[in-house]
Amino acid sequence: MINYNDKKYVCLLDLGFEIIRGKWKAVILCHINDEPKRFLELQRITCGVSQKVLNEQLRELEEEGLINKVIYPEVPPRVEYNLTDKGKELVPAIKIIEEWSKKHYGHYEQLNNLD
């Protein structure tokens, strides 16, 4: 057993998946990988996820050291999110899962685009 943040995990794989568990975390990481994003950009990309949920997901990613929140001293303040080096290391693994999904389930995307 592995103890991390007062939780127990069966193995490091279990812990690793817990870090990116949640409907939006992997999506956020992939989109921030392209370039830094502002909160409203991320909300649009995630098809209008609620502010509360998006804030929670961003805070958890920041607490894990996967993203940085950059606040620019402007009026009104501008906030951007970008990947840390630790987050950049994780993106290729997420992209592999995305490619696997495209290979095996890509036809569903094509069917849904016909609707």
Protein backbone atom coordinates (compact mmCIF):
# COMPACT_ATOMS: atom_id res chain seq x y z
CA MET A 1 0.00 0.00 0.00
CA ILE A 2 1.06 3.56 -0.73
CA ASN A 3 0.03 6.44 1.51
CA TYR A 4 -0.27 9.85 -0.13
CA ASN A 5 -2.18 12.87 1.20
CA ASP A 6 -3.87 10.77 3.87
CA LYS A 7 -5.22 8.30 1.31
CA LYS A 8 -4.15 4.74 0.56
CA TYR A 9 -3.44 3.43 -2.91
CA VAL A 10 -2.91 -0.14 -4.06
CA CYS A 11 0.08 0.78 -6.24
CA LEU A 12 1.71 3.71 -8.03
CA LEU A 13 -0.57 3.19 -11.05
CA ASP A 14 -3.58 3.64 -8.77
CA LEU A 15 -2.02 6.84 -7.40
CA GLY A 16 -1.16 8.12 -10.88
CA PHE A 17 -4.71 7.65 -12.13
CA GLU A 18 -6.07 9.35 -9.02
CA ILE A 19 -4.03 12.46 -9.88
CA ILE A 20 -5.79 12.82 -13.27
CA ARG A 21 -9.12 11.27 -12.27
CA GLY A 22 -12.08 13.48 -13.00
CA LYS A 23 -13.90 14.25 -16.19
CA TRP A 24 -11.96 17.40 -17.03
CA LYS A 25 -8.39 17.09 -15.73
CA ALA A 26 -6.87 15.25 -18.70
CA VAL A 27 -8.76 17.51 -21.13
CA ILE A 28 -7.47 20.60 -19.32
CA LEU A 29 -3.89 19.31 -19.38
CA CYS A 30 -4.03 18.58 -23.12
CA HIS A 31 -5.41 22.01 -23.98
CA ILE A 32 -3.02 23.90 -21.73
CA ASN A 33 -0.22 21.93 -23.39
CA ASP A 34 -0.86 23.81 -26.64
CA GLU A 35 -0.54 27.24 -24.98
CA PRO A 36 -1.50 28.97 -21.73
CA LYS A 37 -5.23 29.39 -21.35
CA ARG A 38 -7.47 31.75 -19.43
CA PHE A 39 -10.37 30.52 -17.29
CA LEU A 40 -13.12 31.40 -19.81
CA GLU A 41 -11.17 29.74 -22.64
CA LEU A 42 -11.00 26.56 -20.57
CA GLN A 43 -14.69 26.80 -19.77
CA ARG A 44 -15.51 27.04 -23.50
CA ILE A 45 -13.19 24.15 -24.37
CA THR A 46 -14.83 21.95 -21.74
CA CYS A 47 -18.28 22.66 -23.19
CA GLY A 48 -19.43 24.94 -20.42
CA VAL A 49 -18.45 22.99 -17.32
CA SER A 50 -19.63 24.92 -14.26
CA GLN A 51 -17.30 27.50 -12.75
CA LYS A 52 -17.30 25.58 -9.46
CA VAL A 53 -16.20 22.30 -11.01
CA LEU A 54 -13.61 23.94 -13.26
CA ASN A 55 -12.18 25.87 -10.31
CA GLU A 56 -11.95 22.63 -8.29
CA GLN A 57 -10.22 20.76 -11.12
CA LEU A 58 -7.74 23.60 -11.72
CA ARG A 59 -7.00 23.92 -8.00
CA GLU A 60 -6.35 20.18 -7.69
CA LEU A 61 -4.04 20.21 -10.73
CA GLU A 62 -2.21 23.18 -9.25
CA GLU A 63 -1.90 21.48 -5.84
CA GLU A 64 -0.35 18.44 -7.54
CA GLY A 65 2.18 20.69 -9.27
CA LEU A 66 0.92 19.93 -12.79
CA ILE A 67 -0.13 23.47 -13.69
CA ASN A 68 0.76 27.02 -12.71
CA LYS A 69 -1.72 29.79 -12.15
CA VAL A 70 -0.22 33.08 -13.30
CA ILE A 71 -1.90 36.28 -12.12
CA TYR A 72 -0.85 39.38 -14.03
CA PRO A 73 -0.92 42.67 -12.10
CA GLU A 74 -3.42 44.41 -14.36
CA VAL A 75 -6.84 45.93 -13.85
CA PRO A 76 -8.86 43.82 -14.15
CA PRO A 77 -6.42 41.06 -13.21
CA ARG A 78 -5.61 38.61 -15.99
CA VAL A 79 -5.15 34.97 -14.95
CA GLU A 80 -3.61 32.27 -17.15
CA TYR A 81 -2.93 28.62 -16.55
CA ASN A 82 0.07 26.80 -18.00
CA LEU A 83 1.81 23.47 -17.54
CA THR A 84 4.70 22.90 -15.20
CA ASP A 85 7.55 20.61 -16.24
CA LYS A 86 5.86 17.87 -14.22
CA GLY A 87 2.62 18.44 -16.14
CA LYS A 88 4.46 18.43 -19.49
CA GLU A 89 5.87 14.99 -18.64
CA LEU A 90 2.35 13.64 -18.16
CA VAL A 91 0.86 14.89 -21.45
CA PRO A 92 2.47 12.23 -23.71
CA ALA A 93 0.83 9.48 -21.63
CA ILE A 94 -2.55 11.19 -21.96
CA LYS A 95 -2.00 11.60 -25.72
CA ILE A 96 -1.32 7.84 -26.01
CA ILE A 97 -4.68 7.14 -24.37
CA GLU A 98 -6.30 9.66 -26.73
CA GLU A 99 -4.78 7.92 -29.78
CA TRP A 100 -5.90 4.52 -28.48
CA SER A 101 -9.42 5.90 -28.06
CA LYS A 102 -9.39 7.34 -31.60
CA LYS A 103 -8.24 3.99 -32.98
CA HIS A 104 -10.87 1.92 -31.22
CA TYR A 105 -13.76 4.36 -30.79
CA GLY A 106 -13.19 7.07 -33.41
CA HIS A 107 -16.18 5.91 -35.43
CA TYR A 108 -18.46 7.16 -32.63
CA GLU A 109 -17.14 10.68 -33.14
CA GLN A 110 -17.91 10.42 -36.85
CA LEU A 111 -21.42 9.13 -36.17
CA ASN A 112 -22.13 11.92 -33.69
CA ASN A 113 -20.92 14.56 -36.14
CA LEU A 114 -23.58 13.40 -38.60
CA ASP A 115 -26.40 14.27 -36.16
